């Protein structure tokens, strides 16, 4: 039986990995940045366009073996097409009554 320290170390390894996939909206952004359609991705991963649509809307999550391939694809696109810098929110203006 693993010790408490071993279990915590394993949990830390999982935390260090981060999420398996970016959020659904980012998945779509990356695909569009690459200039590909959902059908292009579906064909490459031997699945249906509707399946890719489900991944990009968050309705479904890819399962092995497509999960690893999709994650690899998204990771490559993340390096090629980093997210745009966040635009600062303008400070709200205070309205004074005269």
PDB file of N, CA and C in Angstrom:
ATOM      1  N   UNK A   1       0.852  -1.182   0.000  1.00  0.00           N
ATOM      2  CA  UNK A   1       0.000   0.000   0.000  1.00  0.00           C
ATOM      3  C   UNK A   1       0.893   1.239   0.000  1.00  0.00           C
ATOM      4  N   UNK A   2       0.602   2.213  -0.888  1.00  0.00           N
ATOM      5  CA  UNK A   2       1.440   3.410  -0.944  1.00  0.00           C
ATOM      6  C   UNK A   2       1.292   4.247   0.325  1.00  0.00           C
ATOM      7  N   UNK A   3       2.361   4.936   0.641  1.00  0.00           N
ATOM      8  CA  UNK A   3       2.334   5.818   1.807  1.00  0.00           C
ATOM      9  C   UNK A   3       1.622   7.116   1.442  1.00  0.00           C
ATOM     10  N   UNK A   4       1.315   7.888   2.452  1.00  0.00           N
ATOM     11  CA  UNK A   4       0.671   9.185   2.225  1.00  0.00           C
ATOM     12  C   UNK A   4       1.566  10.074   1.364  1.00  0.00           C
ATOM     13  N   UNK A   5       2.863  10.058   1.636  1.00  0.00           N
ATOM     14  CA  UNK A   5       3.806  10.879   0.874  1.00  0.00           C
ATOM     15  C   UNK A   5       3.826  10.477  -0.603  1.00  0.00           C
ATOM     16  N   UNK A   6       3.768   9.170  -0.867  1.00  0.00           N
ATOM     17  CA  UNK A   6       3.758   8.696  -2.253  1.00  0.00           C
ATOM     18  C   UNK A   6       2.482   9.135  -2.974  1.00  0.00           C
ATOM     19  N   UNK A   7       1.374   9.059  -2.277  1.00  0.00           N
ATOM     20  CA  UNK A   7       0.109   9.478  -2.880  1.00  0.00           C
ATOM     21  C   UNK A   7       0.110  10.977  -3.169  1.00  0.00           C
ATOM     22  N   UNK A   8       0.633  11.754  -2.253  1.00  0.00           N
ATOM     23  CA  UNK A   8       0.712  13.204  -2.464  1.00  0.00           C
ATOM     24  C   UNK A   8       1.640  13.512  -3.633  1.00  0.00           C
ATOM     25  N   UNK A   9       2.753  12.792  -3.729  1.00  0.00           N
ATOM     26  CA  UNK A   9       3.680  12.996  -4.847  1.00  0.00           C
ATOM     27  C   UNK A   9       2.989  12.698  -6.176  1.00  0.00           C
ATOM     28  N   UNK A  10       2.185  11.662  -6.211  1.00  0.00           N
ATOM     29  CA  UNK A  10       1.448  11.329  -7.436  1.00  0.00           C
ATOM     30  C   UNK A  10       0.418  12.400  -7.762  1.00  0.00           C
ATOM     31  N   UNK A  11      -0.230  12.905  -6.733  1.00  0.00           N
ATOM     32  CA  UNK A  11      -1.199  13.981  -6.946  1.00  0.00           C
ATOM     33  C   UNK A  11      -0.494  15.226  -7.480  1.00  0.00           C
ATOM     34  N   UNK A  12       0.680  15.528  -6.965  1.00  0.00           N
ATOM     35  CA  UNK A  12       1.457  16.680  -7.441  1.00  0.00           C
ATOM     36  C   UNK A  12       1.839  16.512  -8.910  1.00  0.00           C
ATOM     37  N   UNK A  13       2.171  15.296  -9.310  1.00  0.00           N
ATOM     38  CA  UNK A  13       2.499  15.031 -10.714  1.00  0.00           C
ATOM     39  C   UNK A  13       1.302  15.345 -11.608  1.00  0.00           C
ATOM     40  N   UNK A  14       0.130  14.958 -11.155  1.00  0.00           N
ATOM     41  CA  UNK A  14      -1.076  15.248 -11.933  1.00  0.00           C
ATOM     42  C   UNK A  14      -1.333  16.746 -12.014  1.00  0.00           C
ATOM     43  N   UNK A  15      -1.133  17.447 -10.909  1.00  0.00           N
ATOM     44  CA  UNK A  15      -1.324  18.893 -10.914  1.00  0.00           C
ATOM     45  C   UNK A  15      -0.343  19.578 -11.854  1.00  0.00           C
ATOM     46  N   UNK A  16       0.885  19.085 -11.903  1.00  0.00           N
ATOM     47  CA  UNK A  16       1.912  19.687 -12.752  1.00  0.00           C
ATOM     48  C   UNK A  16       1.586  19.523 -14.233  1.00  0.00           C
ATOM     49  N   UNK A  17       0.854  18.489 -14.574  1.00  0.00           N
ATOM     50  CA  UNK A  17       0.496  18.263 -15.976  1.00  0.00           C
ATOM     51  C   UNK A  17      -0.454  19.320 -16.501  1.00  0.00           C
ATOM     52  N   UNK A  18      -1.266  19.873 -15.631  1.00  0.00           N
ATOM     53  CA  UNK A  18      -2.258  20.831 -16.076  1.00  0.00           C
ATOM     54  C   UNK A  18      -3.424  20.119 -16.742  1.00  0.00           C
ATOM     55  N   UNK A  19      -4.344  20.887 -17.299  1.00  0.00           N
ATOM     56  CA  UNK A  19      -5.500  20.265 -17.942  1.00  0.00           C
ATOM     57  C   UNK A  19      -5.078  19.514 -19.202  1.00  0.00           C
ATOM     58  N   UNK A  20      -5.788  18.451 -19.514  1.00  0.00           N
ATOM     59  CA  UNK A  20      -5.484  17.680 -20.716  1.00  0.00           C
ATOM     60  C   UNK A  20      -5.766  18.475 -21.983  1.00  0.00           C
ATOM     61  N   UNK A  21      -6.836  19.223 -21.979  1.00  0.00           N
ATOM     62  CA  UNK A  21      -7.237  19.974 -23.160  1.00  0.00           C
ATOM     63  C   UNK A  21      -7.538  21.416 -22.784  1.00  0.00           C
ATOM     64  N   UNK A  22      -7.316  22.344 -23.714  1.00  0.00           N
ATOM     65  CA  UNK A  22      -7.731  23.723 -23.440  1.00  0.00           C
ATOM     66  C   UNK A  22      -9.258  23.807 -23.423  1.00  0.00           C
ATOM     67  N   UNK A  23      -9.794  24.910 -22.937  1.00  0.00           N
ATOM     68  CA  UNK A  23     -11.255  25.069 -22.935  1.00  0.00           C
ATOM     69  C   UNK A  23     -11.815  24.962 -24.363  1.00  0.00           C
ATOM     70  N   UNK A  24     -13.073  24.576 -24.484  1.00  0.00           N
ATOM     71  CA  UNK A  24     -13.661  24.392 -25.814  1.00  0.00           C
ATOM     72  C   UNK A  24     -13.505  25.589 -26.754  1.00  0.00           C
ATOM     73  N   UNK A  25     -13.720  26.798 -26.270  1.00  0.00           N
ATOM     74  CA  UNK A  25     -13.599  27.972 -27.149  1.00  0.00           C
ATOM     75  C   UNK A  25     -12.179  28.117 -27.688  1.00  0.00           C
ATOM     76  N   UNK A  26     -11.193  27.764 -26.877  1.00  0.00           N
ATOM     77  CA  UNK A  26      -9.799  27.836 -27.321  1.00  0.00           C
ATOM     78  C   UNK A  26      -9.514  26.755 -28.356  1.00  0.00           C
ATOM     79  N   UNK A  27     -10.131  25.613 -28.236  1.00  0.00           N
ATOM     80  CA  UNK A  27      -9.965  24.550 -29.234  1.00  0.00           C
ATOM     81  C   UNK A  27     -10.416  25.053 -30.605  1.00  0.00           C
ATOM     82  N   UNK A  28     -11.559  25.716 -30.607  1.00  0.00           N
ATOM     83  CA  UNK A  28     -12.092  26.260 -31.860  1.00  0.00           C
ATOM     84  C   UNK A  28     -11.175  27.352 -32.394  1.00  0.00           C
ATOM     85  N   UNK A  29     -10.721  28.252 -31.528  1.00  0.00           N
ATOM     86  CA  UNK A  29      -9.839  29.337 -31.956  1.00  0.00           C
ATOM     87  C   UNK A  29      -8.582  28.786 -32.611  1.00  0.00           C
ATOM     88  N   UNK A  30      -7.999  27.759 -31.999  1.00  0.00           N
ATOM     89  CA  UNK A  30      -6.775  27.171 -32.534  1.00  0.00           C
ATOM     90  C   UNK A  30      -7.011  26.541 -33.906  1.00  0.00           C
ATOM     91  N   UNK A  31      -8.098  25.820 -34.044  1.00  0.00           N
ATOM     92  CA  UNK A  31      -8.398  25.199 -35.342  1.00  0.00           C
ATOM     93  C   UNK A  31      -8.590  26.261 -36.409  1.00  0.00           C
ATOM     94  N   UNK A  32      -9.339  27.301 -36.073  1.00  0.00           N
ATOM     95  CA  UNK A  32      -9.572  28.372 -37.040  1.00  0.00           C
ATOM     96  C   UNK A  32      -8.281  29.114 -37.365  1.00  0.00           C
ATOM     97  N   UNK A  33      -7.417  29.317 -36.368  1.00  0.00           N
ATOM     98  CA  UNK A  33      -6.126  29.969 -36.608  1.00  0.00           C
ATOM     99  C   UNK A  33      -5.275  29.146 -37.572  1.00  0.00           C
ATOM    100  N   UNK A  34      -5.426  27.837 -37.516  1.00  0.00           N
ATOM    101  CA  UNK A  34      -4.691  26.949 -38.417  1.00  0.00           C
ATOM    102  C   UNK A  34      -5.323  26.913 -39.811  1.00  0.00           C
ATOM    103  N   UNK A  35      -6.482  27.550 -39.960  1.00  0.00           N
ATOM    104  CA  UNK A  35      -7.147  27.594 -41.256  1.00  0.00           C
ATOM    105  C   UNK A  35      -7.807  26.290 -41.657  1.00  0.00           C
ATOM    106  N   UNK A  36      -8.219  25.520 -40.662  1.00  0.00           N
ATOM    107  CA  UNK A  36      -8.829  24.217 -40.935  1.00  0.00           C
ATOM    108  C   UNK A  36     -10.301  24.210 -40.550  1.00  0.00           C
ATOM    109  N   UNK A  37     -11.029  23.320 -41.171  1.00  0.00           N
ATOM    110  CA  UNK A  37     -12.438  23.133 -40.840  1.00  0.00           C
ATOM    111  C   UNK A  37     -12.576  21.985 -39.843  1.00  0.00           C
ATOM    112  N   UNK A  38     -13.757  21.893 -39.261  1.00  0.00           N
ATOM    113  CA  UNK A  38     -14.028  20.752 -38.389  1.00  0.00           C
ATOM    114  C   UNK A  38     -13.924  19.456 -39.178  1.00  0.00           C
ATOM    115  N   UNK A  39     -14.319  19.490 -40.436  1.00  0.00           N
ATOM    116  CA  UNK A  39     -14.230  18.291 -41.272  1.00  0.00           C
ATOM    117  C   UNK A  39     -12.776  17.890 -41.489  1.00  0.00           C
ATOM    118  N   UNK A  40     -11.883  18.869 -41.645  1.00  0.00           N
ATOM    119  CA  UNK A  40     -10.454  18.558 -41.802  1.00  0.00           C
ATOM    120  C   UNK A  40      -9.933  17.791 -40.589  1.00  0.00           C
ATOM    121  N   UNK A  41     -10.282  18.280 -39.407  1.00  0.00           N
ATOM    122  CA  UNK A  41      -9.833  17.624 -38.171  1.00  0.00           C
ATOM    123  C   UNK A  41     -10.478  16.247 -38.057  1.00  0.00           C
ATOM    124  N   UNK A  42     -11.757  16.174 -38.360  1.00  0.00           N
ATOM    125  CA  UNK A  42     -12.464  14.887 -38.284  1.00  0.00           C
ATOM    126  C   UNK A  42     -11.829  13.858 -39.216  1.00  0.00           C
ATOM    127  N   UNK A  43     -11.508  14.274 -40.418  1.00  0.00           N
ATOM    128  CA  UNK A  43     -10.890  13.352 -41.376  1.00  0.00           C
ATOM    129  C   UNK A  43      -9.542  12.871 -40.863  1.00  0.00           C
ATOM    130  N   UNK A  44      -8.738  13.797 -40.350  1.00  0.00           N
ATOM    131  CA  UNK A  44      -7.406  13.430 -39.847  1.00  0.00           C
ATOM    132  C   UNK A  44      -7.487  12.458 -38.677  1.00  0.00           C
ATOM    133  N   UNK A  45      -8.503  12.625 -37.833  1.00  0.00           N
ATOM    134  CA  UNK A  45      -8.625  11.794 -36.630  1.00  0.00           C
ATOM    135  C   UNK A  45      -9.613  10.634 -36.814  1.00  0.00           C
ATOM    136  N   UNK A  46     -10.043  10.413 -38.052  1.00  0.00           N
ATOM    137  CA  UNK A  46     -10.958   9.303 -38.372  1.00  0.00           C
ATOM    138  C   UNK A  46     -12.200   9.316 -37.480  1.00  0.00           C
ATOM    139  N   UNK A  47     -12.867  10.472 -37.502  1.00  0.00           N
ATOM    140  CA  UNK A  47     -14.118  10.598 -36.763  1.00  0.00           C
ATOM    141  C   UNK A  47     -15.072  11.450 -37.590  1.00  0.00           C
ATOM    142  N   UNK A  48     -16.204  11.806 -37.022  1.00  0.00           N
ATOM    143  CA  UNK A  48     -17.203  12.607 -37.725  1.00  0.00           C
ATOM    144  C   UNK A  48     -17.032  14.082 -37.387  1.00  0.00           C
ATOM    145  N   UNK A  49     -17.468  14.932 -38.318  1.00  0.00           N
ATOM    146  CA  UNK A  49     -17.424  16.375 -38.087  1.00  0.00           C
ATOM    147  C   UNK A  49     -18.246  16.738 -36.847  1.00  0.00           C
ATOM    148  N   UNK A  50     -19.376  16.065 -36.668  1.00  0.00           N
ATOM    149  CA  UNK A  50     -20.227  16.339 -35.508  1.00  0.00           C
ATOM    150  C   UNK A  50     -19.499  16.034 -34.200  1.00  0.00           C
ATOM    151  N   UNK A  51     -18.622  15.065 -34.230  1.00  0.00           N
ATOM    152  CA  UNK A  51     -17.842  14.730 -33.034  1.00  0.00           C
ATOM    153  C   UNK A  51     -16.895  15.868 -32.695  1.00  0.00           C
ATOM    154  N   UNK A  52     -16.205  16.393 -33.706  1.00  0.00           N
ATOM    155  CA  UNK A  52     -15.289  17.522 -33.485  1.00  0.00           C
ATOM    156  C   UNK A  52     -16.074  18.731 -32.995  1.00  0.00           C
ATOM    157  N   UNK A  53     -17.254  18.946 -33.556  1.00  0.00           N
ATOM    158  CA  UNK A  53     -18.102  20.038 -33.096  1.00  0.00           C
ATOM    159  C   UNK A  53     -18.434  19.870 -31.616  1.00  0.00           C
ATOM    160  N   UNK A  54     -18.727  18.656 -31.205  1.00  0.00           N
ATOM    161  CA  UNK A  54     -19.002  18.392 -29.789  1.00  0.00           C
ATOM    162  C   UNK A  54     -17.807  18.703 -28.904  1.00  0.00           C
ATOM    163  N   UNK A  55     -16.610  18.404 -29.378  1.00  0.00           N
ATOM    164  CA  UNK A  55     -15.395  18.713 -28.608  1.00  0.00           C
ATOM    165  C   UNK A  55     -15.217  20.221 -28.475  1.00  0.00           C
ATOM    166  N   UNK A  56     -15.543  20.957 -29.544  1.00  0.00           N
ATOM    167  CA  UNK A  56     -15.339  22.409 -29.545  1.00  0.00           C
ATOM    168  C   UNK A  56     -16.431  23.162 -28.801  1.00  0.00           C
ATOM    169  N   UNK A  57     -17.548  22.537 -28.573  1.00  0.00           N
ATOM    170  CA  UNK A  57     -18.615  23.188 -27.813  1.00  0.00           C
ATOM    171  C   UNK A  57     -18.641  22.721 -26.361  1.00  0.00           C
ATOM    172  N   UNK A  58     -17.855  21.698 -26.062  1.00  0.00           N
ATOM    173  CA  UNK A  58     -17.812  21.175 -24.702  1.00  0.00           C
ATOM    174  C   UNK A  58     -18.905  20.172 -24.395  1.00  0.00           C
ATOM    175  N   UNK A  59     -19.703  19.804 -25.392  1.00  0.00           N
ATOM    176  CA  UNK A  59     -20.756  18.809 -25.158  1.00  0.00           C
ATOM    177  C   UNK A  59     -20.177  17.421 -24.928  1.00  0.00           C
ATOM    178  N   UNK A  60     -19.061  17.142 -25.599  1.00  0.00           N
ATOM    179  CA  UNK A  60     -18.412  15.841 -25.445  1.00  0.00           C
ATOM    180  C   UNK A  60     -16.913  16.037 -25.277  1.00  0.00           C
ATOM    181  N   UNK A  61     -16.254  14.998 -24.823  1.00  0.00           N
ATOM    182  CA  UNK A  61     -14.799  15.012 -24.639  1.00  0.00           C
ATOM    183  C   UNK A  61     -14.224  13.836 -25.406  1.00  0.00           C
ATOM    184  N   UNK A  62     -13.120  14.065 -26.120  1.00  0.00           N
ATOM    185  CA  UNK A  62     -12.535  12.934 -26.845  1.00  0.00           C
ATOM    186  C   UNK A  62     -12.049  11.850 -25.898  1.00  0.00           C
ATOM    187  N   UNK A  63     -12.131  10.617 -26.359  1.00  0.00           N
ATOM    188  CA  UNK A  63     -11.657   9.471 -25.576  1.00  0.00           C
ATOM    189  C   UNK A  63     -10.497   8.814 -26.319  1.00  0.00           C
ATOM    190  N   UNK A  64      -9.684   8.064 -25.587  1.00  0.00           N
ATOM    191  CA  UNK A  64      -8.568   7.365 -26.243  1.00  0.00           C
ATOM    192  C   UNK A  64      -9.101   6.473 -27.362  1.00  0.00           C
ATOM    193  N   UNK A  65      -8.367   6.341 -28.422  1.00  0.00           N
ATOM    194  CA  UNK A  65      -7.036   6.879 -28.713  1.00  0.00           C
ATOM    195  C   UNK A  65      -7.064   8.276 -29.310  1.00  0.00           C
ATOM    196  N   UNK A  66      -8.257   8.794 -29.635  1.00  0.00           N
ATOM    197  CA  UNK A  66      -8.324  10.127 -30.246  1.00  0.00           C
ATOM    198  C   UNK A  66      -7.924  11.227 -29.277  1.00  0.00           C
ATOM    199  N   UNK A  67      -8.117  11.028 -27.997  1.00  0.00           N
ATOM    200  CA  UNK A  67      -7.759  12.046 -27.009  1.00  0.00           C
ATOM    201  C   UNK A  67      -6.292  12.435 -27.143  1.00  0.00           C
ATOM    202  N   UNK A  68      -5.399  11.470 -27.183  1.00  0.00           N
ATOM    203  CA  UNK A  68      -3.962  11.762 -27.269  1.00  0.00           C
ATOM    204  C   UNK A  68      -3.625  12.469 -28.580  1.00  0.00           C
ATOM    205  N   UNK A  69      -4.234  12.028 -29.673  1.00  0.00           N
ATOM    206  CA  UNK A  69      -3.966  12.651 -30.969  1.00  0.00           C
ATOM    207  C   UNK A  69      -4.494  14.085 -31.007  1.00  0.00           C
ATOM    208  N   UNK A  70      -5.688  14.303 -30.488  1.00  0.00           N
ATOM    209  CA  UNK A  70      -6.283  15.642 -30.462  1.00  0.00           C
ATOM    210  C   UNK A  70      -5.476  16.561 -29.554  1.00  0.00           C
ATOM    211  N   UNK A  71      -5.066  16.053 -28.411  1.00  0.00           N
ATOM    212  CA  UNK A  71      -4.239  16.841 -27.494  1.00  0.00           C
ATOM    213  C   UNK A  71      -2.923  17.226 -28.172  1.00  0.00           C
ATOM    214  N   UNK A  72      -2.310  16.299 -28.874  1.00  0.00           N
ATOM    215  CA  UNK A  72      -1.059  16.569 -29.579  1.00  0.00           C
ATOM    216  C   UNK A  72      -1.266  17.662 -30.633  1.00  0.00           C
ATOM    217  N   UNK A  73      -2.353  17.572 -31.363  1.00  0.00           N
ATOM    218  CA  UNK A  73      -2.684  18.565 -32.371  1.00  0.00           C
ATOM    219  C   UNK A  73      -2.873  19.944 -31.741  1.00  0.00           C
ATOM    220  N   UNK A  74      -3.644  20.006 -30.671  1.00  0.00           N
ATOM    221  CA  UNK A  74      -3.892  21.282 -29.997  1.00  0.00           C
ATOM    222  C   UNK A  74      -2.614  21.863 -29.402  1.00  0.00           C
ATOM    223  N   UNK A  75      -1.770  21.010 -28.835  1.00  0.00           N
ATOM    224  CA  UNK A  75      -0.501  21.496 -28.278  1.00  0.00           C
ATOM    225  C   UNK A  75       0.372  22.110 -29.369  1.00  0.00           C
ATOM    226  N   UNK A  76       0.414  21.473 -30.531  1.00  0.00           N
ATOM    227  CA  UNK A  76       1.182  22.022 -31.649  1.00  0.00           C
ATOM    228  C   UNK A  76       0.638  23.360 -32.098  1.00  0.00           C
ATOM    229  N   UNK A  77      -0.669  23.452 -32.199  1.00  0.00           N
ATOM    230  CA  UNK A  77      -1.276  24.721 -32.592  1.00  0.00           C
ATOM    231  C   UNK A  77      -1.062  25.795 -31.538  1.00  0.00           C
ATOM    232  N   UNK A  78      -1.069  25.414 -30.266  1.00  0.00           N
ATOM    233  CA  UNK A  78      -0.854  26.395 -29.201  1.00  0.00           C
ATOM    234  C   UNK A  78       0.514  27.042 -29.351  1.00  0.00           C
ATOM    235  N   UNK A  79       1.512  26.254 -29.744  1.00  0.00           N
ATOM    236  CA  UNK A  79       2.847  26.808 -29.965  1.00  0.00           C
ATOM    237  C   UNK A  79       2.865  27.709 -31.199  1.00  0.00           C
ATOM    238  N   UNK A  80       2.161  27.314 -32.241  1.00  0.00           N
ATOM    239  CA  UNK A  80       2.146  28.086 -33.485  1.00  0.00           C
ATOM    240  C   UNK A  80       1.271  29.333 -33.400  1.00  0.00           C
ATOM    241  N   UNK A  81       0.187  29.236 -32.669  1.00  0.00           N
ATOM    242  CA  UNK A  81      -0.798  30.320 -32.611  1.00  0.00           C
ATOM    243  C   UNK A  81      -1.120  30.666 -31.157  1.00  0.00           C
ATOM    244  N   UNK A  82      -0.189  31.320 -30.466  1.00  0.00           N
ATOM    245  CA  UNK A  82      -0.457  31.651 -29.062  1.00  0.00           C
ATOM    246  C   UNK A  82      -1.668  32.575 -28.950  1.00  0.00           C
ATOM    247  N   UNK A  83      -2.311  32.552 -27.804  1.00  0.00           N
ATOM    248  CA  UNK A  83      -3.483  33.413 -27.640  1.00  0.00           C
ATOM    249  C   UNK A  83      -3.082  34.880 -27.734  1.00  0.00           C
ATOM    250  N   UNK A  84      -3.972  35.716 -28.246  1.00  0.00           N
ATOM    251  CA  UNK A  84      -3.662  37.142 -28.314  1.00  0.00           C
ATOM    252  C   UNK A  84      -3.521  37.708 -26.905  1.00  0.00           C
ATOM    253  N   UNK A  85      -2.712  38.767 -26.768  1.00  0.00           N
ATOM    254  CA  UNK A  85      -2.570  39.355 -25.433  1.00  0.00           C
ATOM    255  C   UNK A  85      -3.917  39.879 -24.946  1.00  0.00           C
ATOM    256  N   UNK A  86      -4.116  39.756 -23.671  1.00  0.00           N
ATOM    257  CA  UNK A  86      -5.373  40.225 -23.074  1.00  0.00           C
ATOM    258  C   UNK A  86      -5.443  41.742 -23.196  1.00  0.00           C
ATOM    259  N   UNK A  87      -6.601  42.227 -23.584  1.00  0.00           N
ATOM    260  CA  UNK A  87      -6.774  43.675 -23.673  1.00  0.00           C
ATOM    261  C   UNK A  87      -7.265  44.177 -22.326  1.00  0.00           C
ATOM    262  N   UNK A  88      -6.605  45.213 -21.821  1.00  0.00           N
ATOM    263  CA  UNK A  88      -7.023  45.720 -20.513  1.00  0.00           C
ATOM    264  C   UNK A  88      -8.419  46.330 -20.592  1.00  0.00           C
ATOM    265  N   UNK A  89      -9.156  46.134 -19.560  1.00  0.00           N
ATOM    266  CA  UNK A  89     -10.489  46.713 -19.469  1.00  0.00           C
ATOM    267  C   UNK A  89     -10.343  48.172 -19.073  1.00  0.00           C
ATOM    268  N   UNK A  90     -10.949  49.080 -19.847  1.00  0.00           N
ATOM    269  CA  UNK A  90     -10.812  50.490 -19.478  1.00  0.00           C
ATOM    270  C   UNK A  90     -11.466  50.752 -18.132  1.00  0.00           C
ATOM    271  N   UNK A  91     -10.832  51.616 -17.353  1.00  0.00           N
ATOM    272  CA  UNK A  91     -11.426  51.912 -16.041  1.00  0.00           C
ATOM    273  C   UNK A  91     -12.797  52.551 -16.227  1.00  0.00           C
ATOM    274  N   UNK A  92     -13.702  52.211 -15.351  1.00  0.00           N
ATOM    275  CA  UNK A  92     -15.038  52.792 -15.465  1.00  0.00           C
ATOM    276  C   UNK A  92     -14.976  54.261 -15.071  1.00  0.00           C
ATOM    277  N   UNK A  93     -15.766  55.014 -15.764  1.00  0.00           N
ATOM    278  CA  UNK A  93     -15.784  56.453 -15.498  1.00  0.00           C
ATOM    279  C   UNK A  93     -16.767  56.740 -14.377  1.00  0.00           C
ATOM    280  N   UNK A  94     -16.347  57.603 -13.518  1.00  0.00           N
ATOM    281  CA  UNK A  94     -17.226  58.007 -12.424  1.00  0.00           C
ATOM    282  C   UNK A  94     -18.073  59.176 -12.895  1.00  0.00           C
ATOM    283  N   UNK A  95     -19.340  59.064 -12.708  1.00  0.00           N
ATOM    284  CA  UNK A  95     -20.244  60.150 -13.094  1.00  0.00           C
ATOM    285  C   UNK A  95     -20.584  60.940 -11.842  1.00  0.00           C
ATOM    286  N   UNK A  96     -20.338  62.231 -11.941  1.00  0.00           N
ATOM    287  CA  UNK A  96     -20.659  63.104 -10.804  1.00  0.00           C
ATOM    288  C   UNK A  96     -21.887  63.930 -11.151  1.00  0.00           C
ATOM    289  N   UNK A  97     -22.697  64.073 -10.171  1.00  0.00           N
ATOM    290  CA  UNK A  97     -23.877  64.927 -10.359  1.00  0.00           C
ATOM    291  C   UNK A  97     -23.482  66.358 -10.052  1.00  0.00           C
ATOM    292  N   UNK A  98     -23.982  67.276 -10.864  1.00  0.00           N
ATOM    293  CA  UNK A  98     -23.672  68.697 -10.650  1.00  0.00           C
ATOM    294  C   UNK A  98     -24.703  69.348  -9.783  1.00  0.00           C
TER     295      UNK A  98
END
